[in-house]
Amino acid sequence: MLNATTLNHPTILHGFLTREGGVSDGIYAGLNCGPGSRDLPASVTENRRRALGQVGLGAARLVTCYQIHSPHVVRVTTPWDAASPPQADAMVTDRPGLALGILTADCAPVLFADFDAGIVGAAHAGWKGAVGGVLQATVSEMVALGAKISRIHAAVGPCIHQPSYEVGEELRLQVISASSWADWCFQRSARAGHYQFDLPSYVSGELQRLDLGTVEIVDWDTYADEARFFSYRRTTHRGEPDYGRQMSIIGLQP
């Protein structure tokens, strides 16, 4: 498990889980926490239980969304039925005993906390969600709940990094049309009309423009480090039939 220095606080528990320490095998080997995968449901359930334990939230109720690469944010007051989660890509809460979980396999998990207000948030930020405003929407919902922007700390977790992330001109244009400052997040690749995209720098750049208290990048490349992380793009390049998902979790001390 990996932690962000900026989120270390006595009232908050968090962790960016790797694929290590789970019960799944085959292409899902390790701590696959994705119910949307074709892994054995019993293995995924056990892995999610273990993930909570690694973070120190074993007594908390885990809540996750059906992630759709959107800017939708849910304010969580009570746990929902795991079989019918809301379609959203971010959650916020001020309730102890709830653990907010984000599933990723190359997209960036982002965890947020206002320690003084006792408010936490979690967002799933691939390029589409980040361009669509999921980060700004998460901060806005935290502020509506009582947080202050200058007190919010954010950490961008392990995700695909620039050397591993080749994209086409269409994606580049969509990003810089939404964020004109972000042209420097792209470097031309060896293939004509293609670029290497720096997703963690783009996500952290969007966060920094919100004037948060601190923004940190937990600097690991999910594509390059197969021993630690699942990766959708690595799976695609290999022609494998499916892939696992790691989980990132944040919650208030029960």
C-alpha atoms as a PDB file:
ATOM      1  CA  MET A   1       0.000   0.000   0.000  1.00  0.00           C
ATOM      2  CA  LEU A   2       1.153   3.534  -0.793  1.00  0.00           C
ATOM      3  CA  ASN A   3       0.407   6.708   1.148  1.00  0.00           C
ATOM      4  CA  ALA A   4       0.490  10.416   0.432  1.00  0.00           C
ATOM      5  CA  THR A   5       2.422  12.588   2.867  1.00  0.00           C
ATOM      6  CA  THR A   6      -0.074  15.415   2.459  1.00  0.00           C
ATOM      7  CA  LEU A   7      -2.947  13.210   3.686  1.00  0.00           C
ATOM      8  CA  ASN A   8      -1.244  11.855   6.803  1.00  0.00           C
ATOM      9  CA  HIS A   9      -3.344  13.037   9.748  1.00  0.00           C
ATOM     10  CA  PRO A  10      -4.651  11.456  12.971  1.00  0.00           C
ATOM     11  CA  THR A  11      -8.303  11.849  11.928  1.00  0.00           C
ATOM     12  CA  ILE A  12      -7.954  10.462   8.386  1.00  0.00           C
ATOM     13  CA  LEU A  13      -7.096   7.010   7.079  1.00  0.00           C
ATOM     14  CA  HIS A  14      -6.188   6.515   3.445  1.00  0.00           C
ATOM     15  CA  GLY A  15      -4.225   4.320   1.084  1.00  0.00           C
ATOM     16  CA  PHE A  16      -3.493   3.753  -2.588  1.00  0.00           C
ATOM     17  CA  LEU A  17      -3.661  -0.035  -2.747  1.00  0.00           C
ATOM     18  CA  THR A  18      -1.464  -2.012  -5.104  1.00  0.00           C
ATOM     19  CA  ARG A  19      -2.271  -5.465  -6.481  1.00  0.00           C
ATOM     20  CA  GLU A  20      -0.250  -7.082  -3.702  1.00  0.00           C
ATOM     21  CA  GLY A  21      -1.853  -9.074  -0.895  1.00  0.00           C
ATOM     22  CA  GLY A  22      -4.978 -10.493  -2.538  1.00  0.00           C
ATOM     23  CA  VAL A  23      -6.430 -13.926  -3.242  1.00  0.00           C
ATOM     24  CA  SER A  24      -7.149 -13.714  -6.982  1.00  0.00           C
ATOM     25  CA  ASP A  25      -5.087 -15.623  -9.533  1.00  0.00           C
ATOM     26  CA  GLY A  26      -4.465 -15.819 -13.262  1.00  0.00           C
ATOM     27  CA  ILE A  27      -4.687 -12.450 -15.027  1.00  0.00           C
ATOM     28  CA  TYR A  28      -6.267 -11.042 -11.844  1.00  0.00           C
ATOM     29  CA  ALA A  29      -3.463 -12.278  -9.600  1.00  0.00           C
ATOM     30  CA  GLY A  30      -3.377 -10.351  -6.358  1.00  0.00           C
ATOM     31  CA  LEU A  31      -5.725  -7.764  -4.875  1.00  0.00           C
ATOM     32  CA  ASN A  32      -8.273  -7.316  -7.672  1.00  0.00           C
ATOM     33  CA  CYS A  33     -11.044  -5.172  -6.175  1.00  0.00           C
ATOM     34  CA  GLY A  34     -13.130  -4.724  -9.325  1.00  0.00           C
ATOM     35  CA  PRO A  35     -16.613  -6.290  -9.293  1.00  0.00           C
ATOM     36  CA  GLY A  36     -16.891  -5.295 -12.950  1.00  0.00           C
ATOM     37  CA  SER A  37     -14.140  -7.763 -13.845  1.00  0.00           C
ATOM     38  CA  ARG A  38     -14.836 -11.401 -14.676  1.00  0.00           C
ATOM     39  CA  ASP A  39     -12.866 -12.544 -11.641  1.00  0.00           C
ATOM     40  CA  LEU A  40     -14.559 -14.870  -9.144  1.00  0.00           C
ATOM     41  CA  PRO A  41     -17.029 -12.740  -7.123  1.00  0.00           C
ATOM     42  CA  ALA A  42     -15.942 -14.409  -3.878  1.00  0.00           C
ATOM     43  CA  SER A  43     -12.324 -13.446  -4.580  1.00  0.00           C
ATOM     44  CA  VAL A  44     -13.252  -9.820  -5.289  1.00  0.00           C
ATOM     45  CA  THR A  45     -15.296  -9.657  -2.078  1.00  0.00           C
ATOM     46  CA  GLU A  46     -12.395 -11.004  -0.045  1.00  0.00           C
ATOM     47  CA  ASN A  47      -9.948  -8.653  -1.749  1.00  0.00           C
ATOM     48  CA  ARG A  48     -12.129  -5.645  -0.933  1.00  0.00           C
ATOM     49  CA  ARG A  49     -12.289  -6.774   2.698  1.00  0.00           C
ATOM     50  CA  ARG A  50      -8.501  -7.041   2.757  1.00  0.00           C
ATOM     51  CA  ALA A  51      -8.125  -3.627   1.139  1.00  0.00           C
ATOM     52  CA  LEU A  52     -10.145  -2.020   3.922  1.00  0.00           C
ATOM     53  CA  GLY A  53      -7.991  -3.801   6.465  1.00  0.00           C
ATOM     54  CA  GLN A  54      -4.758  -2.598   4.873  1.00  0.00           C
ATOM     55  CA  VAL A  55      -5.934   0.996   5.173  1.00  0.00           C
ATOM     56  CA  GLY A  56      -7.042   0.504   8.772  1.00  0.00           C
ATOM     57  CA  LEU A  57     -10.737   0.866   8.008  1.00  0.00           C
ATOM     58  CA  GLY A  58     -11.709  -2.749   8.539  1.00  0.00           C
ATOM     59  CA  ALA A  59     -14.707  -1.737  10.644  1.00  0.00           C
ATOM     60  CA  ALA A  60     -15.975   0.809   8.089  1.00  0.00           C
ATOM     61  CA  ARG A  61     -18.553   0.324   5.336  1.00  0.00           C
ATOM     62  CA  LEU A  62     -17.000   0.524   1.886  1.00  0.00           C
ATOM     63  CA  VAL A  63     -18.842   2.522  -0.791  1.00  0.00           C
ATOM     64  CA  THR A  64     -17.882   2.558  -4.463  1.00  0.00           C
ATOM     65  CA  CYS A  65     -19.622   3.917  -7.562  1.00  0.00           C
ATOM     66  CA  TYR A  66     -20.377   2.542 -10.993  1.00  0.00           C
ATOM     67  CA  GLN A  67     -17.734   4.692 -12.667  1.00  0.00           C
ATOM     68  CA  ILE A  68     -18.599   6.195 -16.060  1.00  0.00           C
ATOM     69  CA  HIS A  69     -15.854   8.829 -16.709  1.00  0.00           C
ATOM     70  CA  SER A  70     -18.225  11.641 -15.729  1.00  0.00           C
ATOM     71  CA  PRO A  71     -18.135  14.786 -13.548  1.00  0.00           C
ATOM     72  CA  HIS A  72     -20.890  13.385 -11.300  1.00  0.00           C
ATOM     73  CA  VAL A  73     -20.264  13.553  -7.532  1.00  0.00           C
ATOM     74  CA  VAL A  74     -22.273  11.815  -4.807  1.00  0.00           C
ATOM     75  CA  ARG A  75     -22.533  13.077  -1.226  1.00  0.00           C
ATOM     76  CA  VAL A  76     -22.453   9.929   0.893  1.00  0.00           C
ATOM     77  CA  THR A  77     -24.436   9.872   4.145  1.00  0.00           C
ATOM     78  CA  THR A  78     -25.234   6.158   4.365  1.00  0.00           C
ATOM     79  CA  PRO A  79     -23.922   3.121   2.478  1.00  0.00           C
ATOM     80  CA  TRP A  80     -25.873   1.954  -0.548  1.00  0.00           C
ATOM     81  CA  ASP A  81     -26.602  -1.497  -1.898  1.00  0.00           C
ATOM     82  CA  ALA A  82     -23.362  -2.708  -3.471  1.00  0.00           C
ATOM     83  CA  ALA A  83     -25.387  -4.412  -6.204  1.00  0.00           C
ATOM     84  CA  SER A  84     -26.884  -1.099  -7.407  1.00  0.00           C
ATOM     85  CA  PRO A  85     -24.346   1.709  -6.845  1.00  0.00           C
ATOM     86  CA  PRO A  86     -24.932   5.186  -8.276  1.00  0.00           C
ATOM     87  CA  GLN A  87     -23.376   6.076 -11.609  1.00  0.00           C
ATOM     88  CA  ALA A  88     -20.763   8.648 -10.662  1.00  0.00           C
ATOM     89  CA  ASP A  89     -17.023   9.198 -10.515  1.00  0.00           C
ATOM     90  CA  ALA A  90     -16.532  10.949  -7.200  1.00  0.00           C
ATOM     91  CA  MET A  91     -17.825  10.898  -3.637  1.00  0.00           C
ATOM     92  CA  VAL A  92     -17.551  13.128  -0.575  1.00  0.00           C
ATOM     93  CA  THR A  93     -18.539  12.527   3.035  1.00  0.00           C
ATOM     94  CA  ASP A  94     -18.281  13.917   6.554  1.00  0.00           C
ATOM     95  CA  ARG A  95     -19.440  10.684   8.190  1.00  0.00           C
ATOM     96  CA  PRO A  96     -17.047   8.492  10.178  1.00  0.00           C
ATOM     97  CA  GLY A  97     -17.442   4.795   9.517  1.00  0.00           C
ATOM     98  CA  LEU A  98     -17.667   5.179   5.733  1.00  0.00           C
ATOM     99  CA  ALA A  99     -14.780   4.344   3.400  1.00  0.00           C
ATOM    100  CA  LEU A 100     -14.801   5.940  -0.059  1.00  0.00           C
ATOM    101  CA  GLY A 101     -13.265   3.626  -2.663  1.00  0.00           C
ATOM    102  CA  ILE A 102     -12.107   4.455  -6.206  1.00  0.00           C
ATOM    103  CA  LEU A 103     -11.226   1.732  -8.710  1.00  0.00           C
ATOM    104  CA  THR A 104      -8.537   2.310 -11.338  1.00  0.00           C
ATOM    105  CA  ALA A 105      -6.376   0.491 -13.850  1.00  0.00           C
ATOM    106  CA  ASP A 106      -4.447   3.429 -15.411  1.00  0.00           C
ATOM    107  CA  CYS A 107      -6.784   6.369 -14.662  1.00  0.00           C
ATOM    108  CA  ALA A 108      -5.773   8.601 -11.768  1.00  0.00           C
ATOM    109  CA  PRO A 109      -7.350   8.123  -8.344  1.00  0.00           C
ATOM    110  CA  VAL A 110      -7.487  11.403  -6.434  1.00  0.00           C
ATOM    111  CA  LEU A 111      -8.067  11.559  -2.668  1.00  0.00           C
ATOM    112  CA  PHE A 112      -9.029  14.771  -0.842  1.00  0.00           C
ATOM    113  CA  ALA A 113      -9.277  15.870   2.790  1.00  0.00           C
ATOM    114  CA  ASP A 114     -10.083  18.952   4.842  1.00  0.00           C
ATOM    115  CA  PHE A 115      -8.789  17.885   8.242  1.00  0.00           C
ATOM    116  CA  ASP A 116     -10.319  20.766  10.195  1.00  0.00           C
ATOM    117  CA  ALA A 117     -13.808  20.283   8.758  1.00  0.00           C
ATOM    118  CA  GLY A 118     -13.640  16.495   8.879  1.00  0.00           C
ATOM    119  CA  ILE A 119     -14.566  16.117   5.214  1.00  0.00           C
ATOM    120  CA  VAL A 120     -13.007  13.720   2.713  1.00  0.00           C
ATOM    121  CA  GLY A 121     -13.458  13.058  -0.989  1.00  0.00           C
ATOM    122  CA  ALA A 122     -12.360  10.596  -3.660  1.00  0.00           C
ATOM    123  CA  ALA A 123     -12.438  10.934  -7.453  1.00  0.00           C
ATOM    124  CA  HIS A 124     -11.777   8.780 -10.513  1.00  0.00           C
ATOM    125  CA  ALA A 125      -9.930  11.006 -12.993  1.00  0.00           C
ATOM    126  CA  GLY A 126      -9.043   9.611 -16.375  1.00  0.00           C
ATOM    127  CA  TRP A 127      -8.432  12.184 -19.071  1.00  0.00           C
ATOM    128  CA  LYS A 128     -12.124  12.318 -19.955  1.00  0.00           C
ATOM    129  CA  GLY A 129     -13.295  12.860 -16.392  1.00  0.00           C
ATOM    130  CA  ALA A 130     -10.581  15.427 -15.708  1.00  0.00           C
ATOM    131  CA  VAL A 131     -11.479  17.364 -18.868  1.00  0.00           C
ATOM    132  CA  GLY A 132     -15.163  17.055 -17.956  1.00  0.00           C
ATOM    133  CA  GLY A 133     -14.703  18.688 -14.553  1.00  0.00           C
ATOM    134  CA  VAL A 134     -14.791  15.848 -12.024  1.00  0.00           C
ATOM    135  CA  LEU A 135     -12.008  17.427  -9.960  1.00  0.00           C
ATOM    136  CA  GLN A 136     -13.674  20.832  -9.750  1.00  0.00           C
ATOM    137  CA  ALA A 137     -17.026  19.196  -8.996  1.00  0.00           C
ATOM    138  CA  THR A 138     -15.538  17.184  -6.129  1.00  0.00           C
ATOM    139  CA  VAL A 139     -14.003  20.278  -4.541  1.00  0.00           C
ATOM    140  CA  SER A 140     -17.267  22.205  -4.994  1.00  0.00           C
ATOM    141  CA  GLU A 141     -19.228  19.459  -3.248  1.00  0.00           C
ATOM    142  CA  MET A 142     -16.733  19.406  -0.387  1.00  0.00           C
ATOM    143  CA  VAL A 143     -17.102  23.180  -0.010  1.00  0.00           C
ATOM    144  CA  ALA A 144     -20.900  22.838  -0.042  1.00  0.00           C
ATOM    145  CA  LEU A 145     -20.533  20.362   2.813  1.00  0.00           C
ATOM    146  CA  GLY A 146     -18.435  22.809   4.844  1.00  0.00           C
ATOM    147  CA  ALA A 147     -14.842  22.512   3.648  1.00  0.00           C
ATOM    148  CA  LYS A 148     -12.664  25.490   2.738  1.00  0.00           C
ATOM    149  CA  ILE A 149     -10.671  25.422  -0.480  1.00  0.00           C
ATOM    150  CA  SER A 150      -7.461  26.639   1.152  1.00  0.00           C
ATOM    151  CA  ARG A 151      -7.639  23.760   3.670  1.00  0.00           C
ATOM    152  CA  ILE A 152      -8.277  20.978   1.154  1.00  0.00           C
ATOM    153  CA  HIS A 153      -5.318  18.671   0.528  1.00  0.00           C
ATOM    154  CA  ALA A 154      -5.303  16.450  -2.556  1.00  0.00           C
ATOM    155  CA  ALA A 155      -3.167  13.523  -3.647  1.00  0.00           C
ATOM    156  CA  VAL A 156      -3.020  12.070  -7.162  1.00  0.00           C
ATOM    157  CA  GLY A 157      -2.389   8.348  -6.905  1.00  0.00           C
ATOM    158  CA  PRO A 158      -0.622   5.849  -9.160  1.00  0.00           C
ATOM    159  CA  CYS A 159      -1.744   6.044 -12.778  1.00  0.00           C
ATOM    160  CA  ILE A 160      -0.354   5.694 -16.273  1.00  0.00           C
ATOM    161  CA  HIS A 161       2.624   8.010 -16.902  1.00  0.00           C
ATOM    162  CA  GLN A 162       3.845   9.878 -19.951  1.00  0.00           C
ATOM    163  CA  PRO A 163       6.377   7.328 -21.283  1.00  0.00           C
ATOM    164  CA  SER A 164       3.625   4.681 -21.312  1.00  0.00           C
ATOM    165  CA  TYR A 165       0.727   6.761 -22.632  1.00  0.00           C
ATOM    166  CA  GLU A 166       0.693   7.402 -26.368  1.00  0.00           C
ATOM    167  CA  VAL A 167      -2.407   9.236 -27.635  1.00  0.00           C
ATOM    168  CA  GLY A 168      -3.651  10.698 -30.888  1.00  0.00           C
ATOM    169  CA  GLU A 169      -4.138  14.275 -32.009  1.00  0.00           C
ATOM    170  CA  GLU A 170      -7.886  14.163 -31.325  1.00  0.00           C
ATOM    171  CA  LEU A 171      -7.383  13.516 -27.598  1.00  0.00           C
ATOM    172  CA  ARG A 172      -4.717  16.215 -27.385  1.00  0.00           C
ATOM    173  CA  LEU A 173      -7.054  18.760 -28.964  1.00  0.00           C
ATOM    174  CA  GLN A 174      -9.873  17.864 -26.582  1.00  0.00           C
ATOM    175  CA  VAL A 175      -7.589  18.360 -23.584  1.00  0.00           C
ATOM    176  CA  ILE A 176      -6.053  21.666 -24.632  1.00  0.00           C
ATOM    177  CA  SER A 177      -9.394  23.059 -25.815  1.00  0.00           C
ATOM    178  CA  ALA A 178     -10.645  22.573 -22.247  1.00  0.00           C
ATOM    179  CA  SER A 179      -7.334  23.545 -20.576  1.00  0.00           C
ATOM    180  CA  SER A 180      -5.268  25.874 -22.759  1.00  0.00           C
ATOM    181  CA  TRP A 181      -2.371  25.748 -20.293  1.00  0.00           C
ATOM    182  CA  ALA A 182      -1.966  21.968 -20.779  1.00  0.00           C
ATOM    183  CA  ASP A 183      -0.145  21.876 -24.109  1.00  0.00           C
ATOM    184  CA  TRP A 184       3.116  21.204 -22.252  1.00  0.00           C
ATOM    185  CA  CYS A 185       1.615  17.915 -20.949  1.00  0.00           C
ATOM    186  CA  PHE A 186       2.100  16.463 -24.450  1.00  0.00           C
ATOM    187  CA  GLN A 187       5.358  15.482 -26.142  1.00  0.00           C
ATOM    188  CA  ARG A 188       5.520  14.284 -29.727  1.00  0.00           C
ATOM    189  CA  SER A 189       6.061  10.548 -30.021  1.00  0.00           C
ATOM    190  CA  ALA A 190       7.925   8.623 -32.699  1.00  0.00           C
ATOM    191  CA  ARG A 191       4.683   7.992 -34.597  1.00  0.00           C
ATOM    192  CA  ALA A 192       3.392  10.829 -36.747  1.00  0.00           C
ATOM    193  CA  GLY A 193       0.310  12.495 -35.316  1.00  0.00           C
ATOM    194  CA  HIS A 194       0.795  10.945 -31.883  1.00  0.00           C
ATOM    195  CA  TYR A 195       1.899  12.273 -28.500  1.00  0.00           C
ATOM    196  CA  GLN A 196       2.959  11.054 -25.082  1.00  0.00           C
ATOM    197  CA  PHE A 197       0.448  12.425 -22.559  1.00  0.00           C
ATOM    198  CA  ASP A 198       1.432  13.274 -18.976  1.00  0.00           C
ATOM    199  CA  LEU A 199      -1.810  12.407 -17.152  1.00  0.00           C
ATOM    200  CA  PRO A 200      -0.594  12.952 -13.552  1.00  0.00           C
ATOM    201  CA  SER A 201       0.794  16.387 -14.427  1.00  0.00           C
ATOM    202  CA  TYR A 202      -2.466  17.315 -16.135  1.00  0.00           C
ATOM    203  CA  VAL A 203      -4.573  16.198 -13.174  1.00  0.00           C
ATOM    204  CA  SER A 204      -2.308  17.906 -10.638  1.00  0.00           C
ATOM    205  CA  GLY A 205      -2.248  21.039 -12.796  1.00  0.00           C
ATOM    206  CA  GLU A 206      -6.037  21.227 -12.772  1.00  0.00           C
ATOM    207  CA  LEU A 207      -5.991  20.793  -8.985  1.00  0.00           C
ATOM    208  CA  GLN A 208      -3.341  23.467  -8.482  1.00  0.00           C
ATOM    209  CA  ARG A 209      -5.487  25.937 -10.390  1.00  0.00           C
ATOM    210  CA  LEU A 210      -8.166  25.513  -7.733  1.00  0.00           C
ATOM    211  CA  ASP A 211      -5.849  27.037  -5.076  1.00  0.00           C
ATOM    212  CA  LEU A 212      -6.031  24.039  -2.769  1.00  0.00           C
ATOM    213  CA  GLY A 213      -3.877  23.808   0.337  1.00  0.00           C
ATOM    214  CA  THR A 214      -1.519  21.215  -1.142  1.00  0.00           C
ATOM    215  CA  VAL A 215      -1.403  18.914  -4.155  1.00  0.00           C
ATOM    216  CA  GLU A 216       0.818  15.833  -4.215  1.00  0.00           C
ATOM    217  CA  ILE A 217       1.562  13.195  -6.852  1.00  0.00           C
ATOM    218  CA  VAL A 218       2.200   9.649  -5.615  1.00  0.00           C
ATOM    219  CA  ASP A 219       4.599   8.965  -8.443  1.00  0.00           C
ATOM    220  CA  TRP A 220       4.131   5.420  -9.771  1.00  0.00           C
ATOM    221  CA  ASP A 221       3.377   4.300 -13.341  1.00  0.00           C
ATOM    222  CA  THR A 222       0.667   1.620 -13.408  1.00  0.00           C
ATOM    223  CA  TYR A 223       1.540   0.488 -16.928  1.00  0.00           C
ATOM    224  CA  ALA A 224       5.270   0.083 -16.320  1.00  0.00           C
ATOM    225  CA  ASP A 225       5.115  -1.675 -12.933  1.00  0.00           C
ATOM    226  CA  GLU A 226       3.318  -4.973 -13.525  1.00  0.00           C
ATOM    227  CA  ALA A 227       4.373  -6.413 -10.164  1.00  0.00           C
ATOM    228  CA  ARG A 228       2.496  -3.695  -8.280  1.00  0.00           C
ATOM    229  CA  PHE A 229      -0.354  -2.575 -10.537  1.00  0.00           C
ATOM    230  CA  PHE A 230      -3.083  -3.664 -12.897  1.00  0.00           C
ATOM    231  CA  SER A 231      -3.198  -1.756 -16.195  1.00  0.00           C
ATOM    232  CA  TYR A 232      -5.974  -1.595 -18.765  1.00  0.00           C
ATOM    233  CA  ARG A 233      -3.612  -0.412 -21.502  1.00  0.00           C
ATOM    234  CA  ARG A 234      -1.042  -3.121 -20.796  1.00  0.00           C
ATOM    235  CA  THR A 235      -3.816  -5.714 -20.962  1.00  0.00           C
ATOM    236  CA  THR A 236      -5.055  -4.240 -24.245  1.00  0.00           C
ATOM    237  CA  HIS A 237      -1.595  -4.281 -25.798  1.00  0.00           C
ATOM    238  CA  ARG A 238      -1.230  -7.944 -24.872  1.00  0.00           C
ATOM    239  CA  GLY A 239      -4.660  -8.907 -26.150  1.00  0.00           C
ATOM    240  CA  GLU A 240      -5.708 -10.322 -22.781  1.00  0.00           C
ATOM    241  CA  PRO A 241      -9.460 -10.845 -22.248  1.00  0.00           C
ATOM    242  CA  ASP A 242      -9.843  -8.807 -19.045  1.00  0.00           C
ATOM    243  CA  TYR A 243      -7.950  -6.950 -16.324  1.00  0.00           C
ATOM    244  CA  GLY A 244      -7.980  -6.335 -12.581  1.00  0.00           C
ATOM    245  CA  ARG A 245      -8.549  -3.063 -10.779  1.00  0.00           C
ATOM    246  CA  GLN A 246      -6.708  -1.634  -7.803  1.00  0.00           C
ATOM    247  CA  MET A 247      -8.517   0.440  -5.200  1.00  0.00           C
ATOM    248  CA  SER A 248      -7.737   3.722  -3.471  1.00  0.00           C
ATOM    249  CA  ILE A 249      -9.543   4.420  -0.190  1.00  0.00           C
ATOM    250  CA  ILE A 250     -10.067   7.326   2.188  1.00  0.00           C
ATOM    251  CA  GLY A 251     -12.218   7.662   5.281  1.00  0.00           C
ATOM    252  CA  LEU A 252     -12.545   9.397   8.626  1.00  0.00           C
ATOM    253  CA  GLN A 253     -11.366   7.566  11.703  1.00  0.00           C
ATOM    254  CA  PRO A 254     -14.397   5.620  13.080  1.00  0.00           C
END
